[in-house]
Amino acid sequence: MNILFLCDQLAVGGAERQLLLLARGLKNKGHGVQVAVFKSGGPLEPELAEAGIPLIDLQKNNPVSHIFRLITLLRQSPPDVLHSYLPMANLVAALATLFTPRVRLVWGVRASNLDLSYLGWHDRRSRVVIQLNRLFCRLADLIIANSQAGADHHRRLGYPWARLSVIPNGIDTRRFQFDPQAREGIRRAWGVGEGVALIGVVGRLDPMKGLPTFLRAGAMLTRKMPQVQLVVVGDGPVEYRQDLQRQGEALGLGEALTWAGGRSDTPGVYSALDVLVSASWFGEGFSNVIGEGMAVGLPCVVTDVGDAGVIVGEAGIIVPPRDAEAMVGALERVLGLSGEERQQMGEMARARMAEQFSTDLLVARSEVELVGLCA
């Protein structure tokens, strides 16, 4: 089976990381794999090259040009499957396959319960692209959601239920594991002293991630428990980042809060934390951050958005979104555990990722669906 993956670019993001893991896994199983991008130069490209997977740069700057370049590519060397990820790539792939009907089209959809009112922070064309996805979704032969919540959400939007399949993300437990040396070095760099509990959120600064709730909960918690520090790891649009920082200052967090910016050494970052928080308000399907943190052995407090409850199971605490008081209560419960009890929770979390959400399972489940589509 020959598969051409398509995405905007190989940026550092959850969908792009999953694409890379799946492409590498399918290649290792003997399938022909290529990846096409709208824009080259993404930071994950060296990993793709290391895996021996060809990268095709469509070398165009607008969606119409992308469509015509992709049509040419599909006609010159038609794959068995064109597998696109995320709304813009899905739309371009659908329109291109109108002119190459022999190619099977697979969409990858990631989100659930989107709140379009928050897209003002981003490119406003996203609203149009999402609406066009609803219009052209029936051109896809298979639509893979990475969460049950995401599949349910897209079904409500009118996506064909019979073509929707759920394949959870795969978490690379070989990459994401506890690193004691990284823990010591990063905590020292962040000024975290002995006996201090470090609570963090990791991910891009985006309205869907619910950072205001985390900041409010952190302010309440640090007033009750002075031996607690907070860290926000990630970056985003300057205007939104500055707004969040002003909120932190207004809440009096001061030196109790570190804005660490974006970092590529995420296994080390997770190792530096004592508790991981996912405060998302909406939009999550399968949160890679939760899965990665659990693979490192972190106790997690997460909002009940997307499939967070399915991911965490008994190895963490679920709270309602936008409820800072509930988040504080959950964090107090985790921090009130003995060191041994917290370690047991972390071990349970890592085992859950290895047993139920491994990269091997991602590849095996995807292979079954794609081979079945081509049969």
Protein backbone atom coordinates (compact mmCIF):
# COMPACT_ATOMS: atom_id res chain seq x y z
CA MET A 1 0.00 0.00 0.00
CA ASN A 2 1.30 3.46 -0.95
CA ILE A 3 0.23 6.37 1.25
CA LEU A 4 0.70 10.09 0.73
CA PHE A 5 0.22 12.14 3.88
CA LEU A 6 -0.69 15.82 3.57
CA CYS A 7 -0.50 18.65 6.11
CA ASP A 8 0.21 22.37 6.21
CA GLN A 9 3.76 21.92 7.50
CA LEU A 10 5.63 19.72 9.96
CA ALA A 11 5.38 22.15 12.84
CA VAL A 12 5.66 21.21 16.51
CA GLY A 13 2.04 20.29 17.13
CA GLY A 14 0.01 17.35 18.27
CA ALA A 15 -1.43 16.46 14.85
CA GLU A 16 1.93 16.82 13.12
CA ARG A 17 3.64 14.64 15.72
CA GLN A 18 0.97 11.96 15.26
CA LEU A 19 1.38 12.11 11.48
CA LEU A 20 5.12 11.57 11.88
CA LEU A 21 4.66 8.63 14.26
CA LEU A 22 2.14 6.98 11.94
CA ALA A 23 4.18 7.57 8.78
CA ARG A 24 7.27 6.09 10.40
CA GLY A 25 5.35 3.12 11.79
CA LEU A 26 3.69 2.30 8.46
CA LYS A 27 7.01 2.57 6.63
CA ASN A 28 8.55 0.14 9.12
CA LYS A 29 5.73 -2.28 8.26
CA GLY A 30 6.73 -2.21 4.60
CA HIS A 31 4.27 0.30 3.16
CA GLY A 32 5.29 3.05 0.78
CA VAL A 33 5.05 6.39 2.56
CA GLN A 34 5.55 10.01 1.49
CA VAL A 35 4.61 13.30 3.15
CA ALA A 36 3.55 16.44 1.29
CA VAL A 37 3.43 19.87 2.93
CA PHE A 38 2.23 23.29 1.86
CA LYS A 39 5.24 24.94 3.46
CA SER A 40 8.61 23.34 4.06
CA GLY A 41 11.08 24.14 6.85
CA GLY A 42 9.06 22.72 9.73
CA PRO A 43 11.04 21.64 12.82
CA LEU A 44 9.90 18.00 12.56
CA GLU A 45 11.37 17.55 9.07
CA PRO A 46 14.76 16.23 10.30
CA GLU A 47 12.95 13.38 12.06
CA LEU A 48 11.12 12.57 8.84
CA ALA A 49 14.41 12.53 6.93
CA GLU A 50 15.99 10.34 9.60
CA ALA A 51 13.19 7.82 9.07
CA GLY A 52 13.93 7.79 5.33
CA ILE A 53 10.53 9.20 4.35
CA PRO A 54 10.49 11.53 1.32
CA LEU A 55 9.15 15.04 1.85
CA ILE A 56 7.35 16.80 -1.00
CA ASP A 57 7.15 20.59 -0.82
CA LEU A 58 4.13 21.81 -2.80
CA GLN A 59 5.93 25.17 -3.02
CA LYS A 60 2.83 27.27 -3.33
CA ASN A 61 1.47 30.11 -1.23
CA ASN A 62 -2.31 29.88 -1.50
CA PRO A 63 -4.95 27.12 -1.35
CA VAL A 64 -5.88 27.31 -5.06
CA SER A 65 -2.26 26.75 -6.05
CA HIS A 66 -2.02 23.94 -3.51
CA ILE A 67 -4.97 22.18 -5.16
CA PHE A 68 -3.50 22.36 -8.68
CA ARG A 69 -0.04 21.28 -7.50
CA LEU A 70 -1.55 18.36 -5.60
CA ILE A 71 -3.66 17.30 -8.61
CA THR A 72 -0.48 17.19 -10.71
CA LEU A 73 1.30 15.15 -8.06
CA LEU A 74 -1.56 12.66 -7.72
CA ARG A 75 -1.78 12.20 -11.49
CA GLN A 76 1.96 11.70 -11.93
CA SER A 77 2.32 9.13 -9.18
CA PRO A 78 -1.08 8.19 -7.71
CA PRO A 79 -0.92 6.69 -4.20
CA ASP A 80 -3.44 4.18 -2.98
CA VAL A 81 -4.40 6.54 -0.14
CA LEU A 82 -4.17 10.29 0.36
CA HIS A 83 -4.33 10.88 4.12
CA SER A 84 -4.71 14.54 5.11
CA TYR A 85 -4.61 16.13 8.54
CA LEU A 86 -6.43 19.24 9.84
CA PRO A 87 -9.07 21.42 8.15
CA MET A 88 -7.10 23.24 5.46
CA ALA A 89 -5.26 20.13 4.26
CA ASN A 90 -8.51 18.16 4.37
CA LEU A 91 -10.22 20.73 2.17
CA VAL A 92 -7.38 20.88 -0.36
CA ALA A 93 -7.19 17.07 -0.48
CA ALA A 94 -10.94 16.73 -1.05
CA LEU A 95 -10.97 19.20 -3.94
CA ALA A 96 -7.89 17.63 -5.52
CA THR A 97 -9.34 14.12 -5.43
CA LEU A 98 -12.36 15.32 -7.40
CA PHE A 99 -9.96 15.19 -10.36
CA THR A 100 -8.16 11.98 -9.29
CA PRO A 101 -11.01 9.60 -8.39
CA ARG A 102 -8.82 6.48 -8.18
CA VAL A 103 -7.14 7.79 -5.02
CA ARG A 104 -8.81 6.88 -1.73
CA LEU A 105 -9.20 9.92 0.51
CA VAL A 106 -8.79 9.75 4.29
CA TRP A 107 -9.33 12.77 6.51
CA GLY A 108 -7.81 13.14 9.96
CA VAL A 109 -9.97 15.26 12.29
CA ARG A 110 -8.70 16.22 15.72
CA ALA A 111 -11.01 18.67 17.48
CA SER A 112 -14.23 18.38 19.45
CA ASN A 113 -16.78 20.96 20.56
CA LEU A 114 -15.14 23.89 18.79
CA ASP A 115 -16.13 27.40 19.89
CA LEU A 116 -15.66 29.50 16.75
CA SER A 117 -16.19 32.73 18.69
CA TYR A 118 -12.59 32.44 19.94
CA LEU A 119 -11.03 32.24 16.50
CA GLY A 120 -10.65 36.01 16.43
CA TRP A 121 -7.24 35.54 17.99
CA HIS A 122 -6.21 33.60 14.88
CA ASP A 123 -6.68 33.78 11.16
CA ARG A 124 -10.36 34.55 10.55
CA ARG A 125 -10.32 32.38 7.44
CA SER A 126 -10.35 29.39 9.81
CA ARG A 127 -14.09 29.89 10.23
CA VAL A 128 -14.59 29.66 6.46
CA VAL A 129 -12.36 26.60 6.14
CA ILE A 130 -14.23 24.77 8.91
CA GLN A 131 -17.56 25.52 7.25
CA LEU A 132 -16.22 24.31 3.88
CA ASN A 133 -15.08 21.09 5.55
CA ARG A 134 -18.70 20.48 6.53
CA LEU A 135 -19.72 20.99 2.90
CA PHE A 136 -17.11 18.66 1.36
CA CYS A 137 -16.78 16.01 4.09
CA ARG A 138 -18.72 13.44 2.05
CA LEU A 139 -15.91 13.35 -0.50
CA ALA A 140 -13.78 11.50 2.07
CA ASP A 141 -13.86 7.71 1.89
CA LEU A 142 -12.84 7.48 5.56
CA ILE A 143 -12.71 10.06 8.35
CA ILE A 144 -10.49 9.19 11.31
CA ALA A 145 -11.13 11.03 14.58
CA ASN A 146 -8.58 10.74 17.37
CA SER A 147 -11.28 10.74 20.06
CA GLN A 148 -14.83 9.55 20.57
CA ALA A 149 -15.76 13.10 21.55
CA GLY A 150 -14.35 14.30 18.22
CA ALA A 151 -16.30 11.68 16.26
CA ASP A 152 -19.52 12.63 18.07
CA HIS A 153 -18.86 16.33 17.44
CA HIS A 154 -18.32 15.83 13.72
CA ARG A 155 -21.36 13.59 13.44
CA ARG A 156 -23.44 16.45 14.89
CA LEU A 157 -21.94 18.74 12.26
CA GLY A 158 -23.29 16.45 9.55
CA TYR A 159 -20.25 14.31 8.81
CA PRO A 160 -21.27 10.85 7.52
CA TRP A 161 -21.40 8.58 10.57
CA ALA A 162 -20.75 5.40 8.55
CA ARG A 163 -17.38 6.76 7.41
CA LEU A 164 -16.22 7.95 10.84
CA SER A 165 -13.73 5.80 12.73
CA VAL A 166 -12.04 6.46 16.08
CA ILE A 167 -8.32 5.77 16.44
CA PRO A 168 -6.80 7.33 19.58
CA ASN A 169 -3.44 9.04 19.41
CA GLY A 170 -0.32 7.03 20.09
CA ILE A 171 2.05 8.08 22.88
CA ASP A 172 5.73 7.28 22.40
CA THR A 173 6.62 5.89 25.82
CA ARG A 174 10.23 5.34 24.70
CA ARG A 175 10.66 9.07 24.19
CA PHE A 176 8.47 10.21 27.05
CA GLN A 177 9.90 8.81 30.24
CA PHE A 178 11.15 10.30 33.49
CA ASP A 179 14.57 11.98 33.31
CA PRO A 180 15.99 12.77 36.78
CA GLN A 181 18.92 14.81 35.44
CA ALA A 182 16.65 16.99 33.30
CA ARG A 183 14.36 17.44 36.29
CA GLU A 184 17.16 18.77 38.45
CA GLY A 185 18.58 21.10 35.79
CA ILE A 186 15.27 22.59 34.67
CA ARG A 187 13.98 23.15 38.19
CA ARG A 188 17.24 24.88 39.09
CA ALA A 189 16.95 27.12 36.00
CA TRP A 190 13.38 28.02 36.97
CA GLY A 191 14.35 28.79 40.58
CA VAL A 192 12.34 25.95 42.11
CA GLY A 193 13.68 25.19 45.57
CA GLU A 194 13.79 21.98 47.58
CA GLY A 195 10.43 20.90 48.91
CA VAL A 196 8.51 23.05 46.41
CA ALA A 197 5.71 21.44 44.42
CA LEU A 198 5.82 22.58 40.79
CA ILE A 199 2.50 22.58 38.95
CA GLY A 200 2.49 23.27 35.23
CA VAL A 201 0.56 23.53 32.00
CA VAL A 202 2.27 22.67 28.72
CA GLY A 203 1.13 23.66 25.24
CA ARG A 204 0.51 26.58 22.94
CA LEU A 205 -1.06 29.71 24.38
CA ASP A 206 -4.52 29.54 22.86
CA PRO A 207 -7.97 30.52 24.19
CA MET A 208 -9.15 26.91 24.00
CA LYS A 209 -6.48 25.88 26.53
CA GLY A 210 -8.23 27.66 29.41
CA LEU A 211 -5.18 29.42 30.89
CA PRO A 212 -7.31 31.99 32.79
CA THR A 213 -8.81 29.15 34.84
CA PHE A 214 -5.34 27.79 35.61
CA LEU A 215 -4.15 31.24 36.68
CA ARG A 216 -7.14 31.79 38.98
CA ALA A 217 -6.75 28.34 40.50
CA GLY A 218 -3.03 28.90 40.92
CA ALA A 219 -3.59 32.20 42.70
CA MET A 220 -6.00 30.57 45.17
CA LEU A 221 -3.71 27.59 45.71
CA THR A 222 -0.50 29.55 46.30
CA ARG A 223 -2.26 31.68 48.94
CA LYS A 224 -3.17 28.46 50.77
CA MET A 225 0.09 26.61 50.12
CA PRO A 226 3.17 28.86 49.86
CA GLN A 227 5.40 25.91 48.92
CA VAL A 228 3.78 25.70 45.50
CA GLN A 229 5.05 27.25 42.28
CA LEU A 230 3.44 27.43 38.85
CA VAL A 231 4.88 27.31 35.36
CA VAL A 232 3.35 27.92 31.94
CA VAL A 233 5.36 26.21 29.17
CA GLY A 234 4.42 27.28 25.66
CA ASP A 235 4.12 30.27 23.39
CA GLY A 236 1.48 31.92 21.26
CA PRO A 237 0.38 35.20 19.68
CA VAL A 238 2.05 38.18 21.35
CA GLU A 239 -1.21 39.99 22.13
CA TYR A 240 -2.76 36.96 23.81
CA ARG A 241 0.42 36.11 25.72
CA GLN A 242 0.63 39.65 27.08
CA ASP A 243 -3.03 39.52 28.10
CA LEU A 244 -2.43 36.32 30.06
CA GLN A 245 0.63 37.81 31.73
CA ARG A 246 -1.42 40.84 32.81
CA GLN A 247 -4.00 38.48 34.29
CA GLY A 248 -1.25 36.73 36.26
CA GLU A 249 0.03 40.05 37.59
CA ALA A 250 -3.48 41.19 38.55
CA LEU A 251 -3.98 37.96 40.50
CA GLY A 252 -0.81 38.67 42.48
CA LEU A 253 1.05 35.57 41.34
CA GLY A 254 4.36 37.40 41.01
CA GLU A 255 7.39 35.15 41.52
CA ALA A 256 5.20 32.13 42.14
CA LEU A 257 4.58 31.94 38.37
CA THR A 258 7.17 31.32 35.64
CA TRP A 259 6.46 31.98 31.97
CA ALA A 260 8.87 29.50 30.40
CA GLY A 261 8.01 30.09 26.74
CA GLY A 262 8.12 27.36 24.13
CA ARG A 263 10.56 24.51 24.64
CA SER A 264 11.49 21.47 22.57
CA ASP A 265 12.76 19.35 25.48
CA THR A 266 9.28 18.31 26.54
CA PRO A 267 10.25 15.00 28.23
CA GLY A 268 12.55 17.00 30.50
CA VAL A 269 9.86 19.63 31.11
CA TYR A 270 7.37 16.97 32.22
CA SER A 271 10.07 15.43 34.42
CA ALA A 272 10.53 18.79 36.17
CA LEU A 273 6.87 18.97 37.19
CA ASP A 274 5.15 17.41 40.18
CA VAL A 275 1.61 17.77 38.80
CA LEU A 276 0.46 18.41 35.24
CA VAL A 277 -2.70 20.43 34.59
CA SER A 278 -4.79 20.53 31.43
CA ALA A 279 -7.25 23.41 31.87
CA SER A 280 -8.85 23.34 28.39
CA TRP A 281 -12.27 24.95 27.96
CA PHE A 282 -13.21 23.32 24.63
CA GLY A 283 -11.86 21.95 21.37
CA GLU A 284 -9.68 19.08 22.59
CA GLY A 285 -10.10 15.65 21.10
CA PHE A 286 -7.24 13.53 22.39
CA SER A 287 -4.79 15.71 24.30
CA ASN A 288 -1.21 14.69 23.53
CA VAL A 289 -0.02 16.74 26.48
CA ILE A 290 -2.03 14.66 28.94
CA GLY A 291 -0.80 11.42 27.38
CA GLU A 292 2.83 12.54 27.30
CA GLY A 293 2.75 13.73 30.90
CA MET A 294 1.21 10.45 32.01
CA ALA A 295 3.90 8.52 30.11
CA VAL A 296 6.52 10.39 32.14
CA GLY A 297 4.67 9.32 35.29
CA LEU A 298 2.95 12.57 36.24
CA PRO A 299 -0.26 12.79 38.27
CA CYS A 300 -2.69 14.87 36.22
CA VAL A 301 -5.57 17.21 36.98
CA VAL A 302 -7.54 17.76 33.77
CA THR A 303 -10.78 19.37 32.71
CA ASP A 304 -13.53 17.17 31.33
CA VAL A 305 -13.11 18.19 27.69
CA GLY A 306 -12.86 15.83 24.74
CA ASP A 307 -11.65 12.37 25.73
CA ALA A 308 -9.68 13.56 28.77
CA GLY A 309 -11.60 11.24 31.06
CA VAL A 310 -10.93 8.27 28.79
CA ILE A 311 -7.22 9.06 28.71
CA VAL A 312 -6.77 9.58 32.45
CA GLY A 313 -9.02 6.84 33.78
CA GLU A 314 -8.22 6.21 37.45
CA ALA A 315 -4.72 7.68 37.11
CA GLY A 316 -5.72 11.32 37.58
CA ILE A 317 -8.52 13.68 38.57
CA ILE A 318 -11.15 15.15 36.25
CA VAL A 319 -12.75 18.53 36.98
CA PRO A 320 -15.36 20.61 35.11
CA PRO A 321 -13.99 23.18 32.63
CA ARG A 322 -13.82 26.84 33.77
CA ASP A 323 -14.18 25.82 37.45
CA ALA A 324 -11.15 27.20 39.27
CA GLU A 325 -12.46 26.14 42.70
CA ALA A 326 -12.83 22.52 41.58
CA MET A 327 -9.31 22.64 40.13
CA VAL A 328 -7.91 23.91 43.42
CA GLY A 329 -9.68 21.11 45.29
CA ALA A 330 -8.26 18.50 42.92
CA LEU A 331 -4.74 19.91 43.20
CA GLU A 332 -5.00 19.90 46.98
CA ARG A 333 -6.01 16.24 46.85
CA VAL A 334 -2.98 15.33 44.74
CA LEU A 335 -0.56 17.40 46.79
CA GLY A 336 -2.03 15.88 49.97
CA LEU A 337 -0.98 12.40 48.91
CA SER A 338 2.13 10.89 50.39
CA GLY A 339 5.21 10.63 48.19
CA GLU A 340 4.58 6.91 47.79
CA GLU A 341 0.93 7.43 46.86
CA ARG A 342 1.83 10.07 44.28
CA GLN A 343 4.45 7.76 42.82
CA GLN A 344 1.89 4.96 42.55
CA MET A 345 -0.48 7.29 40.70
CA GLY A 346 2.33 8.20 38.30
CA GLU A 347 3.23 4.55 37.72
CA MET A 348 -0.42 3.76 37.01
CA ALA A 349 -0.50 6.65 34.53
CA ARG A 350 2.56 5.43 32.63
CA ALA A 351 1.28 1.85 32.53
CA ARG A 352 -2.03 3.08 31.13
CA MET A 353 -0.28 4.83 28.24
CA ALA A 354 1.87 1.80 27.44
CA GLU A 355 -1.06 -0.63 27.54
CA GLN A 356 -3.86 1.36 25.91
CA PHE A 357 -2.39 4.25 23.91
CA SER A 358 0.98 3.13 22.54
CA THR A 359 2.36 4.10 19.14
CA ASP A 360 2.26 0.41 18.18
CA LEU A 361 -1.51 0.42 18.71
CA LEU A 362 -1.87 3.63 16.69
CA VAL A 363 -0.03 2.05 13.76
CA ALA A 364 -1.82 -1.30 13.99
CA ARG A 365 -5.30 0.24 14.18
CA SER A 366 -4.55 2.64 11.32
CA GLU A 367 -3.11 -0.10 9.14
CA VAL A 368 -6.27 -2.18 9.53
CA GLU A 369 -8.46 0.74 8.46
CA LEU A 370 -6.30 1.81 5.51
CA VAL A 371 -5.73 -1.69 4.15
CA GLY A 372 -9.45 -2.39 4.48
CA LEU A 373 -10.23 0.77 2.53
CA CYS A 374 -7.97 -0.34 -0.32
CA ALA A 375 -9.23 -3.93 -0.42
